[in-house]
Each structure stands twice: as structure tokens, then as C-alpha cells.
Amino acid sequence: MASTVELASAFIEGAPPGEMSSPALTSEGDDIIPSLLPAFKRYNETQLTTVKLPGSSQEVIVSEFNALEDNRYFDPESQTSFELDHTTQTASGAQSYHLESSNADLIKSLLKSFGAHAREHYPNCSYGVYPIENDSAVAILLVANRYSPNNFWNGRFRAFYQVPVSSPSTLTGKIQVDVHYYEDGNVALNTTKPLSINIPSVSAESIVSKIAAAERDYQEALNRAFVQTAEGAFKGLRRQLPITRQKVEWEKVGGYRLGQDISGGKGR
């Protein structure tokens, strides 16, 4: 049988977008929270959680690719490092940070070009470019959150791309979309699109152009899937008209007598 910590960790890591917090998971209260820190950290890094830098409105990404020691992370665009409380998702202890990378010029160019693409197409987005694989490649991350709890739904778009700096190269990665709708029930959309794209030259313009095309194609495919689902599977789940072949006057439904008025028959 799974322990309390294992169950609570699974609950945390499976939380839908915008719905993860540090609840009083058991009667043990704060005593259990230290045991759950690894789960909170995995959630924040996997979901590309965004946090505001201290004293700034700028939101930056938390991921395994910009992790430092002692729960610190860095942001190459603002040249800042910060400490993160994984349970509350708050940043503190901001310090100046200089990126040590032989690909610093490529990263700077990608931040400019990819940032323009992200801001144009994704409201409320954050992005980052980081050196990885011992400086032999760069990771490009994008996350866009849209939360509407008053309307019972939240959503998140995530994208991860990896590009070796040798030319020509192959861009690999994935696009993920997670949406949770929970009014009078639970409906979730979780999709992942793996990518592998040839890049003729390792330049910011070439890389961003390929990414933009891949994201456009995927979003168009999602739109087509939504239309097909609405006109197919979802439509088949409901009866268009009752057995009488006449529409129900829903504004009068409170006055109907089941089995008599709706069916057109007479009560006994």
C-alpha cells in the first residue's frame, strides 16, 4: 500500500495547470511538507512554472535546464539568478548572473528572435534559451498559461526544443497542451507532439522560422481535431431531438410532467 508521502507526491505532480498549491494534505500538517519538496520541485521544473523576479513584474521560467545549486535558477535575458521556494512558487535572493557559454552570441540572438515570436503569438508567455549538453547544444523553452477559474477552466501551452550547435543540425523537441475544464465534472485535454526538424544552418532566424512553422501546423491540426470531435464523437453522445421529434421548450421544463407532457401522452 502506498505511503502518505507517495500518494501526496502523485497528487502534486498530477495537478492540472494553475491548480497546484501547498494544501494541508494530512492531519500531520506542516510535518509532511519537507518530505514533499522533491515532488514540488519535479512539478515546477516539468510544468515550466513561471515566477516573478523579486522587485519586478517579469516572469521567468523554472526548469531543469536553468537550475543551479541550492534551489537556485538563472535567467539569461535579465542576467539574474534567484532562489525558489518550490512549495509557494516564490522567488527571492535575486543576484546578478553572467552566463558562461561559448554559444553566448547564439543564445542572445535566439532570445531576441524567439522572444519576438513568442510575444506575438502567445499572450502571457515566458521563454528562455539555455546552454545544455556541455555547451554542445541549446535548449529553447516556451510556456503560455491561461487561467480562468471563474469559468472553471485553466490551460497551459508548453514547448521544448533542443538544437545542437553544429551545422547542419536537427531540431528535436515536443509541444504539449494541457487544458482542464471542471464545471459539474472533469474534462481534460492532454496532448503531446514530438518534433524532429532539419535545420540547414544554425542561426537564430533559421531556427525560429522552423519553430514558428511547426507550432502553426500543430495548432491548425488541433483546430481540425476539435471540429471533427464536436461534429462526430460529441454529437453522437446526445440526441438531437426527443423521441417525439419535437424540440423541448427548456424554459418550461420545470412544468413538464415526466412521461406525459414530453412524450405527448396522457396521464392515467
Protein backbone atom coordinates (compact mmCIF):
# COMPACT_ATOMS: atom_id res chain seq x y z
CA MET A 1 0.00 0.00 0.00
CA ALA A 2 1.36 3.41 -0.96
CA SER A 3 2.50 5.69 1.83
CA THR A 4 1.00 9.09 2.56
CA VAL A 5 4.03 10.80 1.03
CA GLU A 6 3.80 8.72 -2.16
CA LEU A 7 0.10 9.45 -2.53
CA ALA A 8 0.56 13.14 -1.84
CA SER A 9 3.50 13.33 -4.27
CA ALA A 10 1.40 11.76 -7.03
CA PHE A 11 -1.38 14.23 -6.28
CA ILE A 12 1.04 17.17 -6.57
CA GLU A 13 2.74 16.01 -9.77
CA GLY A 14 -0.62 15.32 -11.42
CA ALA A 15 -2.12 18.73 -10.61
CA PRO A 16 -3.72 20.48 -13.63
CA PRO A 17 -2.37 23.86 -14.83
CA GLY A 18 -2.75 26.63 -12.28
CA GLU A 19 -4.24 24.33 -9.65
CA MET A 20 -1.21 23.26 -7.64
CA SER A 21 -0.75 24.66 -4.15
CA SER A 22 0.60 23.56 -0.78
CA PRO A 23 -2.53 22.22 0.92
CA ALA A 24 -2.81 20.70 4.36
CA LEU A 25 -2.59 17.25 2.85
CA THR A 26 -2.97 15.31 6.07
CA SER A 27 -3.63 15.89 9.73
CA GLU A 28 0.15 15.94 10.13
CA GLY A 29 0.08 19.47 8.73
CA ASP A 30 3.47 21.10 8.07
CA ASP A 31 5.34 17.97 9.17
CA ILE A 32 4.77 16.34 5.80
CA ILE A 33 5.77 19.30 3.61
CA PRO A 34 9.58 18.71 3.79
CA SER A 35 9.03 15.15 2.52
CA LEU A 36 7.12 16.54 -0.44
CA LEU A 37 9.77 19.00 -1.60
CA PRO A 38 11.09 16.63 -4.32
CA ALA A 39 7.56 16.33 -5.74
CA PHE A 40 7.06 20.11 -5.75
CA LYS A 41 10.43 20.55 -7.46
CA ARG A 42 9.66 17.95 -10.14
CA TYR A 43 6.28 19.57 -10.77
CA ASN A 44 7.72 23.08 -11.09
CA GLU A 45 10.53 22.02 -13.43
CA THR A 46 8.38 19.72 -15.58
CA GLN A 47 5.50 22.18 -15.91
CA LEU A 48 7.87 25.09 -16.62
CA THR A 49 6.44 27.05 -13.72
CA THR A 50 6.89 30.81 -14.08
CA VAL A 51 7.75 33.09 -11.17
CA LYS A 52 8.17 36.82 -10.80
CA LEU A 53 11.66 38.07 -10.10
CA PRO A 54 11.91 39.99 -6.81
CA GLY A 55 11.02 43.64 -7.32
CA SER A 56 9.95 43.04 -10.92
CA SER A 57 6.82 42.18 -12.87
CA GLN A 58 8.85 39.99 -15.23
CA GLU A 59 8.05 36.28 -15.06
CA VAL A 60 10.81 33.79 -15.76
CA ILE A 61 10.83 30.02 -16.28
CA VAL A 62 11.82 27.35 -13.78
CA SER A 63 13.22 24.21 -15.43
CA GLU A 64 15.94 21.58 -15.19
CA PHE A 65 17.88 23.44 -17.88
CA ASN A 66 18.44 26.64 -15.88
CA ALA A 67 18.86 25.00 -12.49
CA LEU A 68 21.83 25.87 -10.28
CA GLU A 69 22.70 24.52 -6.84
CA ASP A 70 20.65 25.03 -3.64
CA ASN A 71 17.30 25.57 -5.39
CA ARG A 72 18.63 28.49 -7.41
CA TYR A 73 17.88 29.15 -11.08
CA PHE A 74 19.11 31.67 -13.64
CA ASP A 75 17.55 33.74 -16.37
CA PRO A 76 19.93 34.63 -19.22
CA GLU A 77 17.85 37.51 -20.59
CA SER A 78 17.76 39.52 -17.35
CA GLN A 79 21.16 38.12 -16.31
CA THR A 80 19.74 37.26 -12.91
CA SER A 81 19.81 34.25 -10.64
CA PHE A 82 17.28 33.65 -7.89
CA GLU A 83 16.31 31.22 -5.16
CA LEU A 84 12.96 29.44 -5.42
CA ASP A 85 10.65 28.22 -2.69
CA HIS A 86 9.15 25.26 -4.53
CA THR A 87 6.15 24.92 -2.22
CA THR A 88 4.95 28.52 -2.61
CA GLN A 89 6.44 29.16 -6.07
CA THR A 90 8.02 32.42 -4.93
CA ALA A 91 11.44 33.75 -5.92
CA SER A 92 13.86 35.56 -3.63
CA GLY A 93 17.52 36.42 -3.27
CA ALA A 94 17.99 37.86 -6.76
CA GLN A 95 21.63 38.26 -7.80
CA SER A 96 23.46 39.33 -10.91
CA TYR A 97 24.38 36.33 -13.07
CA HIS A 98 26.75 36.22 -16.03
CA LEU A 99 26.21 33.32 -18.41
CA GLU A 100 29.40 31.38 -19.12
CA SER A 101 28.93 29.81 -22.55
CA SER A 102 30.81 29.61 -25.82
CA ASN A 103 27.41 29.98 -27.51
CA ALA A 104 26.53 33.24 -25.76
CA ASP A 105 26.10 35.13 -29.04
CA LEU A 106 23.71 32.49 -30.44
CA ILE A 107 21.74 32.46 -27.18
CA LYS A 108 21.47 36.26 -27.23
CA SER A 109 20.25 36.23 -30.85
CA LEU A 110 17.74 33.45 -30.11
CA LEU A 111 16.36 35.33 -27.10
CA LYS A 112 15.70 38.33 -29.33
CA SER A 113 14.20 36.46 -32.30
CA PHE A 114 12.32 33.80 -30.35
CA GLY A 115 11.10 36.40 -27.85
CA ALA A 116 9.52 38.43 -30.67
CA HIS A 117 7.80 35.27 -31.99
CA ALA A 118 6.54 34.28 -28.54
CA ARG A 119 5.14 37.71 -27.64
CA GLU A 120 3.37 37.99 -31.00
CA HIS A 121 1.55 34.65 -30.77
CA TYR A 122 1.22 33.84 -27.06
CA PRO A 123 -0.26 36.30 -24.57
CA ASN A 124 1.06 35.91 -21.02
CA CYS A 125 4.05 33.85 -22.13
CA SER A 126 7.56 33.29 -20.79
CA TYR A 127 10.54 31.90 -22.69
CA GLY A 128 14.18 31.04 -22.19
CA VAL A 129 17.27 29.84 -24.05
CA TYR A 130 19.93 27.88 -22.18
CA PRO A 131 23.20 26.06 -22.98
CA ILE A 132 22.99 22.30 -22.46
CA GLU A 133 24.90 19.08 -23.23
CA ASN A 134 28.23 20.58 -22.12
CA ASP A 135 27.65 23.59 -24.34
CA SER A 136 27.21 21.46 -27.46
CA ALA A 137 23.52 22.40 -27.81
CA VAL A 138 20.94 24.93 -26.70
CA ALA A 139 17.52 24.38 -25.15
CA ILE A 140 14.67 26.71 -26.12
CA LEU A 141 11.64 26.78 -23.82
CA LEU A 142 8.25 28.44 -24.11
CA VAL A 143 5.28 28.38 -21.75
CA ALA A 144 1.98 30.26 -22.01
CA ASN A 145 -0.63 30.00 -19.27
CA ARG A 146 -4.29 30.96 -19.45
CA TYR A 147 -6.26 30.64 -16.22
CA SER A 148 -9.99 31.30 -15.90
CA PRO A 149 -11.09 29.78 -12.56
CA ASN A 150 -14.30 31.87 -12.53
CA ASN A 151 -15.29 29.99 -15.68
CA PHE A 152 -14.00 26.65 -14.33
CA TRP A 153 -11.09 26.12 -16.73
CA ASN A 154 -7.32 26.53 -16.89
CA GLY A 155 -4.83 25.81 -19.66
CA ARG A 156 -1.13 25.65 -20.40
CA PHE A 157 0.93 25.53 -23.61
CA ARG A 158 4.50 24.23 -23.27
CA ALA A 159 7.21 23.76 -25.85
CA PHE A 160 10.74 22.42 -25.56
CA TYR A 161 13.26 22.48 -28.39
CA GLN A 162 16.86 21.24 -28.46
CA VAL A 163 19.29 22.29 -31.18
CA PRO A 164 22.91 21.08 -31.49
CA VAL A 165 25.17 23.99 -32.40
CA SER A 166 26.89 22.10 -35.22
CA SER A 167 25.68 22.92 -38.73
CA PRO A 168 23.64 21.49 -40.39
CA SER A 169 21.60 20.32 -37.45
CA THR A 170 18.37 18.65 -36.37
CA LEU A 171 15.95 20.36 -34.04
CA THR A 172 14.17 17.93 -31.71
CA GLY A 173 11.59 18.56 -29.03
CA LYS A 174 7.93 18.47 -28.21
CA ILE A 175 4.85 20.66 -27.88
CA GLN A 176 2.41 19.98 -25.04
CA VAL A 177 -1.08 21.37 -24.45
CA ASP A 178 -2.96 20.77 -21.19
CA VAL A 179 -6.47 22.08 -20.53
CA HIS A 180 -8.71 21.29 -17.57
CA TYR A 181 -12.45 22.10 -17.53
CA TYR A 182 -14.18 21.28 -14.26
CA GLU A 183 -17.69 22.75 -14.08
CA ASP A 184 -20.07 19.99 -12.93
CA GLY A 185 -17.44 17.37 -13.75
CA ASN A 186 -13.92 16.96 -15.08
CA VAL A 187 -12.81 17.11 -18.71
CA ALA A 188 -9.10 17.20 -19.54
CA LEU A 189 -7.19 17.64 -22.78
CA ASN A 190 -3.57 16.45 -22.69
CA THR A 191 -1.68 16.34 -25.98
CA THR A 192 1.98 15.92 -26.88
CA LYS A 193 3.50 16.44 -30.32
CA PRO A 194 7.10 15.19 -30.77
CA LEU A 195 9.21 17.07 -33.31
CA SER A 196 12.29 16.37 -35.42
CA ILE A 197 13.15 19.07 -37.96
CA ASN A 198 16.19 19.56 -40.16
CA ILE A 199 17.88 22.94 -39.73
CA PRO A 200 20.05 23.94 -42.74
CA SER A 201 22.06 26.46 -40.72
CA VAL A 202 22.33 27.12 -37.00
CA SER A 203 21.20 30.73 -36.93
CA ALA A 204 18.52 32.38 -34.84
CA GLU A 205 16.45 33.28 -37.90
CA SER A 206 16.54 29.75 -39.33
CA ILE A 207 15.72 28.08 -36.01
CA VAL A 208 12.86 30.40 -35.11
CA SER A 209 11.40 30.13 -38.61
CA LYS A 210 11.24 26.33 -38.33
CA ILE A 211 9.75 26.53 -34.82
CA ALA A 212 7.07 29.00 -35.91
CA ALA A 213 6.04 26.76 -38.82
CA ALA A 214 5.88 23.66 -36.57
CA GLU A 215 3.74 25.44 -33.97
CA ARG A 216 1.40 26.80 -36.63
CA ASP A 217 0.93 23.36 -38.20
CA TYR A 218 0.24 21.77 -34.82
CA GLN A 219 -2.31 24.39 -33.79
CA GLU A 220 -4.10 24.04 -37.11
CA ALA A 221 -4.18 20.26 -36.60
CA LEU A 222 -5.66 20.76 -33.12
CA ASN A 223 -8.35 23.06 -34.52
CA ARG A 224 -9.31 20.46 -37.13
CA ALA A 225 -9.44 17.78 -34.43
CA PHE A 226 -11.74 19.94 -32.28
CA VAL A 227 -14.15 20.49 -35.17
CA GLN A 228 -14.18 16.78 -36.04
CA THR A 229 -14.78 15.82 -32.41
CA ALA A 230 -17.61 18.32 -31.99
CA GLU A 231 -19.31 17.14 -35.18
CA GLY A 232 -18.55 13.47 -34.62
CA ALA A 233 -17.98 11.86 -31.23
CA PHE A 234 -19.57 14.59 -29.10
CA LYS A 235 -22.54 14.93 -31.42
CA GLY A 236 -23.15 11.20 -31.22
CA LEU A 237 -23.34 11.38 -27.43
CA ARG A 238 -26.51 13.44 -27.40
CA ARG A 239 -29.94 13.05 -29.00
CA GLN A 240 -30.69 15.98 -31.26
CA LEU A 241 -34.43 15.69 -30.70
CA PRO A 242 -36.53 13.67 -28.25
CA ILE A 243 -38.48 10.64 -29.46
CA THR A 244 -41.40 12.95 -30.41
CA ARG A 245 -39.06 14.65 -32.93
CA GLN A 246 -40.01 17.98 -31.40
CA LYS A 247 -37.66 20.30 -29.56
CA VAL A 248 -38.04 20.55 -25.82
CA GLU A 249 -39.04 24.03 -24.61
CA TRP A 250 -36.41 24.21 -21.92
CA GLU A 251 -37.76 27.38 -20.36
CA LYS A 252 -40.89 25.40 -19.49
CA VAL A 253 -39.08 22.26 -18.39
CA GLY A 254 -39.93 22.86 -14.73
CA GLY A 255 -43.62 22.46 -15.54
CA TYR A 256 -43.37 19.24 -17.54
CA ARG A 257 -44.80 16.06 -16.10
CA LEU A 258 -42.37 13.28 -16.95
CA GLY A 259 -43.86 10.62 -19.23
CA GLN A 260 -46.89 12.76 -20.08
CA ASP A 261 -46.13 16.21 -21.49
CA ILE A 262 -42.72 15.31 -23.00
CA SER A 263 -43.95 12.10 -24.61
CA GLY A 264 -47.20 13.66 -25.77
CA GLY A 265 -49.26 11.05 -23.93
CA LYS A 266 -51.98 11.48 -21.32
CA GLY A 267 -51.56 10.68 -17.70
CA ARG A 268 -53.55 7.90 -16.18
